[in-house]
Amino acid sequence: MTTPDKAPASPRVPVTLRVNGSDHHLLVEPRHTLLDTLREDLRLTGTKKVCDMGNCGACTVHQDGHSVYSCLTLAVEANGSEVRTVEGLADAGELDPVQEAFIRADAFQCGFCTPGQLMSLRALLDARPDPTDEEIAKAVTGNLCRCGAYHNIMKAGRLAAEIQAERRATGNGPTAGMEAAE
């Protein structure tokens, strides 16, 4: 019995990414996704690989300030981009308001969807510091929670906005120095 020959690897191409404030110069296969590049090449495993089809949102990251499904984004498409993952939320060891809110509101059960939920809510709060419940719901619509913790996720979204506003008012913690979106 013979085994089929392995398909030859695609030629690798150079990609430069700025991930969580650090520059990375990589050689990746053109078919390699941003998700696989983050997890395999950079060993940033907080971004979850679940459906690999853009259905669940667990792989949500920020690319140049916008939420994207990293499983649907090729690494070569992200070349030259600023990428932020869940590992980049905390600042100097202090939790981001969305992280603190998730803990305080018990907005996770198994925790598998949590990185994507956090990144979606962070993008919302970056754009709208005082979002409505409808805006919070819309922000996390693309993130599937198999445990059904949606009530607490909504509560965490409201609480995160409050924590962020308090930090800005007092000048304490991550996001304290950020200007409110216009």
N, C-alpha and C. Protein backbone atom coordinates (compact mmCIF):
# COMPACT_ATOMS: atom_id res chain seq x y z
N MET A 1 0.84 -1.17 0.00
CA MET A 1 0.00 0.00 0.00
C MET A 1 0.89 1.24 0.00
N THR A 2 0.59 2.14 -0.86
CA THR A 2 1.37 3.37 -0.94
C THR A 2 0.56 4.51 -0.34
N THR A 3 1.26 5.45 0.18
CA THR A 3 0.61 6.64 0.73
C THR A 3 0.71 7.76 -0.28
N PRO A 4 -0.33 8.55 -0.39
CA PRO A 4 -0.27 9.66 -1.34
C PRO A 4 0.80 10.65 -0.92
N ASP A 5 1.42 11.22 -1.92
CA ASP A 5 2.42 12.25 -1.64
C ASP A 5 1.75 13.46 -1.02
N LYS A 6 2.43 14.04 -0.09
CA LYS A 6 1.96 15.27 0.52
C LYS A 6 2.02 16.39 -0.51
N ALA A 7 1.01 17.21 -0.51
CA ALA A 7 1.02 18.35 -1.42
C ALA A 7 2.17 19.27 -1.02
N PRO A 8 2.86 19.82 -2.01
CA PRO A 8 3.97 20.71 -1.67
C PRO A 8 3.46 21.95 -0.95
N ALA A 9 4.23 22.40 0.01
CA ALA A 9 3.87 23.59 0.76
C ALA A 9 3.90 24.80 -0.16
N SER A 10 2.99 25.72 0.08
CA SER A 10 2.98 26.96 -0.69
C SER A 10 4.21 27.78 -0.33
N PRO A 11 4.70 28.55 -1.27
CA PRO A 11 5.83 29.42 -0.92
C PRO A 11 5.40 30.42 0.14
N ARG A 12 6.27 30.68 1.05
CA ARG A 12 5.95 31.62 2.14
C ARG A 12 6.22 33.05 1.68
N VAL A 13 5.42 33.95 2.22
CA VAL A 13 5.56 35.36 1.87
C VAL A 13 5.77 36.17 3.15
N PRO A 14 6.48 37.26 3.06
CA PRO A 14 6.72 38.07 4.26
C PRO A 14 5.47 38.85 4.66
N VAL A 15 5.22 38.88 5.95
CA VAL A 15 4.10 39.63 6.53
C VAL A 15 4.62 40.34 7.77
N THR A 16 4.26 41.59 7.90
CA THR A 16 4.60 42.36 9.09
C THR A 16 3.32 42.74 9.80
N LEU A 17 3.24 42.41 11.07
CA LEU A 17 2.08 42.72 11.89
C LEU A 17 2.55 43.42 13.15
N ARG A 18 1.78 44.36 13.61
CA ARG A 18 2.02 44.97 14.92
C ARG A 18 0.92 44.41 15.82
N VAL A 19 1.30 43.49 16.69
CA VAL A 19 0.33 42.79 17.54
C VAL A 19 0.52 43.21 18.99
N ASN A 20 -0.54 43.76 19.55
CA ASN A 20 -0.50 44.20 20.95
C ASN A 20 0.70 45.09 21.24
N GLY A 21 1.04 45.95 20.26
CA GLY A 21 2.11 46.91 20.44
C GLY A 21 3.50 46.44 20.07
N SER A 22 3.65 45.18 19.64
CA SER A 22 4.96 44.65 19.26
C SER A 22 4.97 44.29 17.78
N ASP A 23 6.05 44.65 17.11
CA ASP A 23 6.20 44.33 15.68
C ASP A 23 6.66 42.90 15.50
N HIS A 24 6.08 42.24 14.50
CA HIS A 24 6.44 40.86 14.17
C HIS A 24 6.62 40.77 12.66
N HIS A 25 7.78 40.25 12.26
CA HIS A 25 8.08 40.02 10.85
C HIS A 25 8.07 38.52 10.65
N LEU A 26 7.13 38.05 9.84
CA LEU A 26 6.90 36.62 9.70
C LEU A 26 6.94 36.20 8.24
N LEU A 27 7.17 34.92 8.03
CA LEU A 27 7.01 34.30 6.72
C LEU A 27 5.85 33.33 6.85
N VAL A 28 4.78 33.58 6.09
CA VAL A 28 3.59 32.75 6.20
C VAL A 28 3.17 32.25 4.82
N GLU A 29 2.47 31.12 4.82
CA GLU A 29 1.87 30.65 3.58
C GLU A 29 0.71 31.58 3.24
N PRO A 30 0.50 31.89 1.97
CA PRO A 30 -0.57 32.82 1.59
C PRO A 30 -1.96 32.37 2.06
N ARG A 31 -2.17 31.09 2.26
CA ARG A 31 -3.47 30.56 2.69
C ARG A 31 -3.64 30.56 4.21
N HIS A 32 -2.61 30.95 4.93
CA HIS A 32 -2.62 30.94 6.40
C HIS A 32 -3.50 32.08 6.91
N THR A 33 -4.41 31.77 7.84
CA THR A 33 -5.29 32.82 8.38
C THR A 33 -4.58 33.62 9.47
N LEU A 34 -5.15 34.77 9.74
CA LEU A 34 -4.64 35.58 10.85
C LEU A 34 -4.76 34.81 12.15
N LEU A 35 -5.86 34.07 12.32
CA LEU A 35 -6.05 33.26 13.53
C LEU A 35 -4.92 32.26 13.70
N ASP A 36 -4.60 31.52 12.65
CA ASP A 36 -3.53 30.53 12.75
C ASP A 36 -2.18 31.19 12.98
N THR A 37 -1.98 32.34 12.37
CA THR A 37 -0.72 33.07 12.58
C THR A 37 -0.59 33.50 14.03
N LEU A 38 -1.67 34.02 14.60
CA LEU A 38 -1.63 34.44 16.00
C LEU A 38 -1.38 33.25 16.92
N ARG A 39 -2.12 32.17 16.71
CA ARG A 39 -2.04 31.02 17.61
C ARG A 39 -0.76 30.20 17.40
N GLU A 40 -0.42 29.91 16.17
CA GLU A 40 0.69 29.00 15.89
C GLU A 40 2.04 29.70 15.81
N ASP A 41 2.08 30.81 15.10
CA ASP A 41 3.37 31.49 14.92
C ASP A 41 3.74 32.37 16.10
N LEU A 42 2.74 33.07 16.65
CA LEU A 42 3.03 34.01 17.75
C LEU A 42 2.67 33.45 19.12
N ARG A 43 2.06 32.29 19.16
CA ARG A 43 1.70 31.59 20.41
C ARG A 43 0.77 32.41 21.30
N LEU A 44 -0.08 33.21 20.66
CA LEU A 44 -1.10 33.96 21.37
C LEU A 44 -2.39 33.16 21.28
N THR A 45 -2.65 32.34 22.28
CA THR A 45 -3.73 31.37 22.20
C THR A 45 -5.02 31.83 22.87
N GLY A 46 -5.08 33.08 23.29
CA GLY A 46 -6.32 33.59 23.87
C GLY A 46 -7.42 33.67 22.83
N THR A 47 -7.07 34.00 21.60
CA THR A 47 -8.03 34.02 20.51
C THR A 47 -8.35 32.58 20.17
N LYS A 48 -9.63 32.21 20.25
CA LYS A 48 -10.01 30.80 20.14
C LYS A 48 -10.33 30.39 18.70
N LYS A 49 -9.95 29.16 18.38
CA LYS A 49 -10.30 28.56 17.10
C LYS A 49 -11.41 27.55 17.37
N VAL A 50 -12.63 27.92 16.96
CA VAL A 50 -13.78 27.08 17.26
C VAL A 50 -14.39 26.59 15.95
N CYS A 51 -15.15 27.43 15.27
CA CYS A 51 -15.85 26.97 14.07
C CYS A 51 -14.98 27.05 12.82
N ASP A 52 -14.04 27.98 12.80
CA ASP A 52 -13.16 28.21 11.65
C ASP A 52 -13.94 28.58 10.39
N MET A 53 -15.15 29.13 10.57
CA MET A 53 -16.00 29.50 9.44
C MET A 53 -16.68 30.86 9.62
N GLY A 54 -16.34 31.61 10.67
CA GLY A 54 -16.94 32.90 10.89
C GLY A 54 -18.35 32.85 11.45
N ASN A 55 -18.71 31.76 12.08
CA ASN A 55 -20.05 31.62 12.63
C ASN A 55 -20.15 31.91 14.12
N CYS A 56 -19.05 31.78 14.88
CA CYS A 56 -19.18 31.81 16.34
C CYS A 56 -18.59 33.06 16.99
N GLY A 57 -17.64 33.73 16.37
CA GLY A 57 -17.06 34.95 16.94
C GLY A 57 -15.98 34.75 17.97
N ALA A 58 -15.64 33.51 18.31
CA ALA A 58 -14.62 33.26 19.34
C ALA A 58 -13.24 33.75 18.91
N CYS A 59 -13.06 33.95 17.62
CA CYS A 59 -11.75 34.38 17.10
C CYS A 59 -11.67 35.88 16.88
N THR A 60 -12.62 36.64 17.40
CA THR A 60 -12.67 38.09 17.16
C THR A 60 -11.43 38.79 17.72
N VAL A 61 -10.81 39.60 16.87
CA VAL A 61 -9.68 40.46 17.24
C VAL A 61 -9.95 41.83 16.63
N HIS A 62 -9.12 42.79 16.96
CA HIS A 62 -9.20 44.11 16.32
C HIS A 62 -8.09 44.22 15.29
N GLN A 63 -8.46 44.62 14.11
CA GLN A 63 -7.49 44.91 13.06
C GLN A 63 -7.68 46.37 12.69
N ASP A 64 -6.66 47.17 12.96
CA ASP A 64 -6.72 48.61 12.71
C ASP A 64 -7.97 49.23 13.34
N GLY A 65 -8.28 48.78 14.57
CA GLY A 65 -9.36 49.36 15.33
C GLY A 65 -10.75 48.80 15.05
N HIS A 66 -10.87 47.85 14.15
CA HIS A 66 -12.17 47.27 13.82
C HIS A 66 -12.19 45.80 14.21
N SER A 67 -13.33 45.33 14.69
CA SER A 67 -13.49 43.91 15.01
C SER A 67 -13.53 43.10 13.73
N VAL A 68 -12.75 42.02 13.71
CA VAL A 68 -12.76 41.09 12.58
C VAL A 68 -12.71 39.67 13.11
N TYR A 69 -13.26 38.77 12.33
CA TYR A 69 -13.10 37.35 12.61
C TYR A 69 -11.75 36.94 12.05
N SER A 70 -10.83 36.59 12.91
CA SER A 70 -9.48 36.27 12.44
C SER A 70 -9.43 34.96 11.67
N CYS A 71 -10.46 34.12 11.79
CA CYS A 71 -10.49 32.87 11.02
C CYS A 71 -10.85 33.13 9.57
N LEU A 72 -11.43 34.29 9.27
CA LEU A 72 -11.82 34.64 7.90
C LEU A 72 -10.87 35.65 7.26
N THR A 73 -9.86 36.06 8.00
CA THR A 73 -8.90 37.04 7.52
C THR A 73 -7.58 36.35 7.24
N LEU A 74 -7.09 36.46 6.02
CA LEU A 74 -5.78 35.89 5.72
C LEU A 74 -4.70 36.76 6.34
N ALA A 75 -3.65 36.12 6.77
CA ALA A 75 -2.52 36.87 7.36
C ALA A 75 -1.97 37.88 6.36
N VAL A 76 -1.93 37.50 5.08
CA VAL A 76 -1.40 38.43 4.07
C VAL A 76 -2.31 39.64 3.91
N GLU A 77 -3.60 39.48 4.17
CA GLU A 77 -4.52 40.62 4.12
C GLU A 77 -4.26 41.58 5.27
N ALA A 78 -3.77 41.06 6.37
CA ALA A 78 -3.50 41.87 7.55
C ALA A 78 -2.10 42.49 7.52
N ASN A 79 -1.32 42.21 6.50
CA ASN A 79 0.04 42.74 6.40
C ASN A 79 0.04 44.26 6.62
N GLY A 80 0.89 44.70 7.53
CA GLY A 80 1.00 46.12 7.84
C GLY A 80 -0.03 46.63 8.84
N SER A 81 -0.87 45.75 9.34
CA SER A 81 -1.96 46.14 10.24
C SER A 81 -1.52 46.15 11.70
N GLU A 82 -2.28 46.92 12.45
CA GLU A 82 -2.20 46.91 13.91
C GLU A 82 -3.26 45.91 14.37
N VAL A 83 -2.85 44.88 15.09
CA VAL A 83 -3.76 43.84 15.56
C VAL A 83 -3.75 43.84 17.08
N ARG A 84 -4.93 43.75 17.65
CA ARG A 84 -5.05 43.66 19.10
C ARG A 84 -5.83 42.40 19.43
N THR A 85 -5.27 41.61 20.32
CA THR A 85 -5.92 40.39 20.76
C THR A 85 -6.34 40.55 22.21
N VAL A 86 -7.02 39.55 22.72
CA VAL A 86 -7.45 39.60 24.12
C VAL A 86 -6.26 39.74 25.06
N GLU A 87 -5.11 39.21 24.68
CA GLU A 87 -3.91 39.36 25.51
C GLU A 87 -3.47 40.81 25.62
N GLY A 88 -3.91 41.66 24.70
CA GLY A 88 -3.52 43.06 24.70
C GLY A 88 -4.49 43.99 25.41
N LEU A 89 -5.50 43.43 26.05
CA LEU A 89 -6.48 44.29 26.74
C LEU A 89 -5.96 44.85 28.06
N ALA A 90 -5.40 44.02 28.89
CA ALA A 90 -4.90 44.49 30.19
C ALA A 90 -3.73 45.44 29.96
N ASP A 91 -3.60 46.40 30.84
CA ASP A 91 -2.52 47.38 30.73
C ASP A 91 -1.74 47.38 32.04
N ALA A 92 -0.45 47.05 31.95
CA ALA A 92 0.44 47.03 33.12
C ALA A 92 -0.15 46.18 34.24
N GLY A 93 -0.76 45.07 33.85
CA GLY A 93 -1.30 44.16 34.85
C GLY A 93 -2.68 44.51 35.37
N GLU A 94 -3.23 45.65 34.96
CA GLU A 94 -4.57 46.03 35.39
C GLU A 94 -5.57 45.67 34.30
N LEU A 95 -6.65 45.03 34.71
CA LEU A 95 -7.66 44.59 33.77
C LEU A 95 -8.32 45.75 33.04
N ASP A 96 -8.65 45.51 31.78
CA ASP A 96 -9.45 46.44 31.00
C ASP A 96 -10.85 46.47 31.62
N PRO A 97 -11.60 47.56 31.48
CA PRO A 97 -12.95 47.60 32.03
C PRO A 97 -13.85 46.45 31.57
N VAL A 98 -13.71 45.99 30.31
CA VAL A 98 -14.55 44.87 29.89
C VAL A 98 -14.17 43.59 30.60
N GLN A 99 -12.89 43.39 30.86
CA GLN A 99 -12.46 42.21 31.61
C GLN A 99 -12.98 42.26 33.05
N GLU A 100 -12.82 43.41 33.68
CA GLU A 100 -13.30 43.57 35.06
C GLU A 100 -14.81 43.36 35.12
N ALA A 101 -15.53 43.92 34.15
CA ALA A 101 -16.99 43.79 34.13
C ALA A 101 -17.42 42.35 33.95
N PHE A 102 -16.73 41.59 33.11
CA PHE A 102 -17.08 40.18 32.92
C PHE A 102 -16.94 39.41 34.22
N ILE A 103 -15.92 39.71 34.98
CA ILE A 103 -15.73 39.04 36.26
C ILE A 103 -16.83 39.45 37.24
N ARG A 104 -17.03 40.74 37.37
CA ARG A 104 -18.01 41.23 38.35
C ARG A 104 -19.44 40.82 38.00
N ALA A 105 -19.77 40.71 36.71
CA ALA A 105 -21.13 40.35 36.29
C ALA A 105 -21.29 38.86 36.06
N ASP A 106 -20.25 38.08 36.31
CA ASP A 106 -20.29 36.63 36.08
C ASP A 106 -20.79 36.34 34.67
N ALA A 107 -20.16 37.00 33.69
CA ALA A 107 -20.62 36.94 32.30
C ALA A 107 -20.00 35.81 31.50
N PHE A 108 -19.41 34.87 32.17
CA PHE A 108 -18.86 33.72 31.45
C PHE A 108 -19.15 32.47 32.26
N GLN A 109 -19.31 31.40 31.55
CA GLN A 109 -19.48 30.13 32.24
C GLN A 109 -18.31 29.24 31.85
N CYS A 110 -18.34 28.66 30.67
CA CYS A 110 -17.19 27.83 30.28
C CYS A 110 -16.01 28.71 29.89
N GLY A 111 -16.28 29.95 29.46
CA GLY A 111 -15.22 30.90 29.12
C GLY A 111 -14.71 30.81 27.70
N PHE A 112 -15.20 29.87 26.92
CA PHE A 112 -14.64 29.69 25.58
C PHE A 112 -14.98 30.85 24.65
N CYS A 113 -16.16 31.43 24.77
CA CYS A 113 -16.53 32.55 23.91
C CYS A 113 -16.01 33.88 24.45
N THR A 114 -15.55 33.88 25.68
CA THR A 114 -15.20 35.12 26.37
C THR A 114 -14.21 36.00 25.61
N PRO A 115 -13.12 35.48 25.04
CA PRO A 115 -12.20 36.39 24.33
C PRO A 115 -12.89 37.17 23.20
N GLY A 116 -13.72 36.49 22.42
CA GLY A 116 -14.43 37.17 21.34
C GLY A 116 -15.44 38.18 21.87
N GLN A 117 -16.15 37.82 22.93
CA GLN A 117 -17.10 38.74 23.54
C GLN A 117 -16.38 39.99 24.05
N LEU A 118 -15.26 39.78 24.73
CA LEU A 118 -14.48 40.91 25.26
C LEU A 118 -14.03 41.84 24.15
N MET A 119 -13.53 41.27 23.06
CA MET A 119 -13.01 42.09 21.97
C MET A 119 -14.14 42.85 21.28
N SER A 120 -15.31 42.22 21.13
CA SER A 120 -16.44 42.90 20.52
C SER A 120 -16.92 44.06 21.39
N LEU A 121 -16.99 43.83 22.69
CA LEU A 121 -17.41 44.91 23.59
C LEU A 121 -16.37 46.01 23.68
N ARG A 122 -15.08 45.68 23.64
CA ARG A 122 -14.04 46.70 23.67
C ARG A 122 -14.16 47.58 22.43
N ALA A 123 -14.41 46.98 21.26
CA ALA A 123 -14.56 47.77 20.03
C ALA A 123 -15.76 48.71 20.15
N LEU A 124 -16.85 48.22 20.72
CA LEU A 124 -18.03 49.06 20.91
C LEU A 124 -17.70 50.24 21.82
N LEU A 125 -17.07 49.96 22.96
CA LEU A 125 -16.77 51.03 23.91
C LEU A 125 -15.74 52.01 23.37
N ASP A 126 -14.87 51.56 22.48
CA ASP A 126 -13.95 52.48 21.83
C ASP A 126 -14.70 53.46 20.92
N ALA A 127 -15.76 52.96 20.28
CA ALA A 127 -16.54 53.79 19.37
C ALA A 127 -17.65 54.56 20.08
N ARG A 128 -18.26 53.95 21.09
CA ARG A 128 -19.40 54.53 21.80
C ARG A 128 -19.22 54.32 23.29
N PRO A 129 -18.61 55.25 24.00
CA PRO A 129 -18.33 55.07 25.43
C PRO A 129 -19.57 54.88 26.30
N ASP A 130 -20.73 55.34 25.83
CA ASP A 130 -21.96 55.21 26.61
C ASP A 130 -23.03 54.54 25.74
N PRO A 131 -22.84 53.25 25.44
CA PRO A 131 -23.76 52.58 24.50
C PRO A 131 -25.12 52.28 25.12
N THR A 132 -26.11 52.16 24.24
CA THR A 132 -27.43 51.73 24.65
C THR A 132 -27.44 50.20 24.75
N ASP A 133 -28.49 49.67 25.37
CA ASP A 133 -28.63 48.22 25.43
C ASP A 133 -28.70 47.62 24.02
N GLU A 134 -29.36 48.32 23.12
CA GLU A 134 -29.46 47.83 21.74
C GLU A 134 -28.08 47.78 21.09
N GLU A 135 -27.24 48.78 21.35
CA GLU A 135 -25.89 48.79 20.78
C GLU A 135 -25.04 47.68 21.38
N ILE A 136 -25.21 47.42 22.67
CA ILE A 136 -24.47 46.32 23.30
C ILE A 136 -24.89 44.99 22.69
N ALA A 137 -26.19 44.80 22.55
CA ALA A 137 -26.70 43.56 21.96
C ALA A 137 -26.19 43.38 20.53
N LYS A 138 -26.20 44.45 19.76
CA LYS A 138 -25.72 44.38 18.37
C LYS A 138 -24.22 44.05 18.33
N ALA A 139 -23.45 44.62 19.27
CA ALA A 139 -22.01 44.40 19.29
C ALA A 139 -21.66 42.94 19.52
N VAL A 140 -22.43 42.25 20.32
CA VAL A 140 -22.11 40.85 20.64
C VAL A 140 -22.95 39.85 19.85
N THR A 141 -23.76 40.34 18.92
CA THR A 141 -24.61 39.46 18.12
C THR A 141 -23.81 38.41 17.38
N GLY A 142 -22.65 38.72 16.92
CA GLY A 142 -21.82 37.78 16.17
C GLY A 142 -21.01 36.83 17.03
N ASN A 143 -21.26 36.83 18.33
CA ASN A 143 -20.52 35.98 19.25
C ASN A 143 -21.47 34.98 19.89
N LEU A 144 -21.28 33.73 19.57
CA LEU A 144 -22.13 32.66 20.09
C LEU A 144 -21.65 32.21 21.46
N CYS A 145 -22.57 32.20 22.42
CA CYS A 145 -22.29 31.67 23.74
C CYS A 145 -23.10 30.40 23.91
N ARG A 146 -22.44 29.28 23.87
CA ARG A 146 -23.14 28.01 23.97
C ARG A 146 -23.71 27.77 25.37
N CYS A 147 -23.20 28.47 26.37
CA CYS A 147 -23.71 28.31 27.74
C CYS A 147 -24.94 29.16 27.99
N GLY A 148 -25.20 30.12 27.11
CA GLY A 148 -26.38 30.96 27.27
C GLY A 148 -26.24 32.05 28.31
N ALA A 149 -25.06 32.59 28.47
CA ALA A 149 -24.82 33.63 29.49
C ALA A 149 -25.14 35.03 28.97
N TYR A 150 -26.04 35.14 27.99
CA TYR A 150 -26.31 36.42 27.35
C TYR A 150 -26.81 37.49 28.32
N HIS A 151 -27.64 37.14 29.25
CA HIS A 151 -28.14 38.12 30.22
C HIS A 151 -26.96 38.77 30.96
N ASN A 152 -26.03 37.96 31.42
CA ASN A 152 -24.88 38.50 32.16
C ASN A 152 -23.89 39.19 31.23
N ILE A 153 -23.82 38.77 29.98
CA ILE A 153 -22.95 39.46 29.01
C ILE A 153 -23.49 40.87 28.78
N MET A 154 -24.80 41.00 28.66
CA MET A 154 -25.40 42.33 28.51
C MET A 154 -25.13 43.17 29.76
N LYS A 155 -25.30 42.57 30.91
CA LYS A 155 -25.01 43.26 32.18
C LYS A 155 -23.55 43.71 32.21
N ALA A 156 -22.66 42.86 31.75
CA ALA A 156 -21.23 43.20 31.72
C ALA A 156 -20.96 44.35 30.76
N GLY A 157 -21.66 44.39 29.65
CA GLY A 157 -21.48 45.50 28.70
C GLY A 157 -21.84 46.83 29.34
N ARG A 158 -22.97 46.87 30.05
CA ARG A 158 -23.37 48.10 30.75
C ARG A 158 -22.38 48.46 31.85
N LEU A 159 -21.96 47.45 32.62
CA LEU A 159 -21.02 47.68 33.71
C LEU A 159 -19.66 48.15 33.18
N ALA A 160 -19.22 47.60 32.07
CA ALA A 160 -17.94 48.01 31.48
C ALA A 160 -17.96 49.49 31.11
N ALA A 161 -19.08 49.95 30.57
CA ALA A 161 -19.21 51.37 30.23
C ALA A 161 -19.12 52.23 31.49
N GLU A 162 -19.74 51.76 32.58
CA GLU A 162 -19.68 52.50 33.85
C GLU A 162 -18.26 52.52 34.41
N ILE A 163 -17.59 51.38 34.39
CA ILE A 163 -16.22 51.30 34.90
C ILE A 163 -15.31 52.21 34.09
N GLN A 164 -15.47 52.16 32.77
CA GLN A 164 -14.64 53.00 31.89
C GLN A 164 -14.88 54.48 32.18
N ALA A 165 -16.15 54.88 32.33
CA ALA A 165 -16.46 56.29 32.62
C ALA A 165 -15.87 56.70 33.96
N GLU A 166 -15.96 55.83 34.95
CA GLU A 166 -15.39 56.13 36.27
C GLU A 166 -13.88 56.30 36.19
N ARG A 167 -13.22 55.40 35.45
CA ARG A 167 -11.76 55.50 35.32
C ARG A 167 -11.36 56.78 34.60
N ARG A 168 -12.11 57.15 33.58
CA ARG A 168 -11.80 58.40 32.87
C ARG A 168 -11.98 59.60 33.79
N ALA A 169 -13.03 59.57 34.59
CA ALA A 169 -13.32 60.70 35.49
C ALA A 169 -12.26 60.84 36.57
N THR A 170 -11.76 59.70 37.05
CA THR A 170 -10.77 59.73 38.12
C THR A 170 -9.34 59.68 37.62
N GLY A 171 -9.17 59.37 36.33
CA GLY A 171 -7.82 59.26 35.77
C GLY A 171 -7.08 58.02 36.21
N ASN A 172 -7.80 56.96 36.59
CA ASN A 172 -7.18 55.72 37.06
C ASN A 172 -7.42 54.56 36.10
N GLY A 173 -6.39 53.75 35.91
CA GLY A 173 -6.53 52.48 35.22
C GLY A 173 -6.54 52.58 33.71
N PRO A 174 -6.56 51.40 33.05
CA PRO A 174 -6.60 51.35 31.59
C PRO A 174 -7.80 52.12 31.06
N THR A 175 -7.64 52.82 29.97
CA THR A 175 -8.60 53.67 29.29
C THR A 175 -8.79 55.00 29.97
N ALA A 176 -8.10 55.28 31.08
CA ALA A 176 -8.30 56.55 31.79
C ALA A 176 -7.90 57.73 30.92
N GLY A 177 -6.84 57.61 30.16
CA GLY A 177 -6.37 58.73 29.37
C GLY A 177 -6.93 58.79 27.98
N MET A 178 -7.77 57.84 27.60
CA MET A 178 -8.33 57.81 26.26
C MET A 178 -9.40 58.89 26.13
N GLU A 179 -9.45 59.50 24.96
CA GLU A 179 -10.49 60.49 24.71
C GLU A 179 -11.75 59.76 24.29
N ALA A 180 -12.88 60.29 24.67
CA ALA A 180 -14.15 59.71 24.26
C ALA A 180 -14.30 59.86 22.76
N ALA A 181 -14.90 58.88 22.11
CA ALA A 181 -15.14 58.94 20.68
C ALA A 181 -16.11 60.06 20.37
N GLU A 182 -15.88 60.68 19.27
CA GLU A 182 -16.77 61.79 18.86
C GLU A 182 -17.99 61.23 18.19
